Amino acid sequence: MFEAVLVNDIRFSWSDGSSENATILKDQTKTWRLDVGSFNEGEVVHIVVAATPELGSKHAITESPPT
């Protein structure tokens, strides 16, 4: 079950960015979107999905949006 999303150690509740049920079924995709502020181009952003029983973690490098 999804609990929260952490972006650079700032915790956001799952329900802050999704109206989808927080339960994860095998091979299921969930969508979470929330404006968490702006980042500088090339900045490394650490994203952690807090879920029971495991955590998922990923680093992303920010880019300018396409024009």
Protein backbone atom coordinates (compact mmCIF):
# COMPACT_ATOMS: atom_id res chain seq x y z
CA MET A 1 0.00 0.00 0.00
CA PHE A 2 1.33 3.48 -0.93
CA GLU A 3 1.80 5.75 2.05
CA ALA A 4 3.71 8.79 0.82
CA VAL A 5 6.07 10.24 -1.75
CA LEU A 6 9.24 11.98 -0.57
CA VAL A 7 10.94 14.48 -2.88
CA ASN A 8 14.34 15.57 -1.56
CA ASP A 9 13.24 14.46 1.94
CA ILE A 10 10.00 16.50 1.87
CA ARG A 11 7.12 14.12 2.58
CA PHE A 12 3.84 14.34 0.68
CA SER A 13 0.87 12.11 1.45
CA TRP A 14 -0.20 9.72 -1.32
CA SER A 15 -3.64 11.37 -1.30
CA ASP A 16 -2.04 14.82 -1.90
CA GLY A 17 -1.20 13.82 -5.48
CA SER A 18 -3.58 11.02 -6.37
CA SER A 19 -7.22 10.16 -6.07
CA GLU A 20 -6.39 6.52 -6.87
CA ASN A 21 -6.67 3.83 -4.25
CA ALA A 22 -3.35 3.40 -2.40
CA THR A 23 -3.39 -0.41 -2.68
CA ILE A 24 -0.87 -1.85 -5.16
CA LEU A 25 -1.66 -5.03 -7.07
CA LYS A 26 1.02 -7.00 -8.93
CA ASP A 27 2.00 -5.37 -12.27
CA GLN A 28 -0.29 -2.41 -11.58
CA THR A 29 0.64 1.18 -12.49
CA LYS A 30 -0.42 4.11 -10.31
CA THR A 31 -0.30 7.83 -11.12
CA TRP A 32 0.82 10.49 -8.65
CA ARG A 33 1.17 14.15 -9.69
CA LEU A 34 1.73 17.18 -7.54
CA ASP A 35 3.45 20.53 -8.08
CA VAL A 36 6.31 20.29 -5.58
CA GLY A 37 8.04 23.51 -6.63
CA SER A 38 10.75 24.26 -9.14
CA PHE A 39 14.25 22.88 -9.56
CA ASN A 40 17.29 24.17 -11.40
CA GLU A 41 18.29 22.48 -14.65
CA GLY A 42 20.74 19.66 -13.98
CA GLU A 43 19.77 19.37 -10.30
CA VAL A 44 19.57 15.84 -8.91
CA VAL A 45 16.17 15.11 -7.36
CA HIS A 46 15.83 12.12 -5.00
CA ILE A 47 12.38 10.51 -5.08
CA VAL A 48 11.24 7.87 -2.59
CA VAL A 49 7.89 6.11 -2.69
CA ALA A 50 7.00 4.98 0.82
CA ALA A 51 4.93 1.84 0.60
CA THR A 52 4.23 -1.17 2.75
CA PRO A 53 6.10 -3.54 2.80
CA GLU A 54 8.87 -1.96 0.64
CA LEU A 55 10.31 1.43 -0.32
CA GLY A 56 11.10 2.41 -3.89
CA SER A 57 13.80 4.99 -4.57
CA LYS A 58 15.02 6.76 -7.70
CA HIS A 59 17.23 9.71 -8.61
CA ALA A 60 16.21 12.00 -11.45
CA ILE A 61 18.10 14.82 -13.14
CA THR A 62 16.00 17.82 -14.02
CA GLU A 63 15.82 19.18 -17.57
CA SER A 64 14.28 22.22 -19.16
CA PRO A 65 10.85 21.52 -20.63
CA PRO A 66 10.74 21.22 -24.43
CA THR A 67 9.85 24.43 -26.23
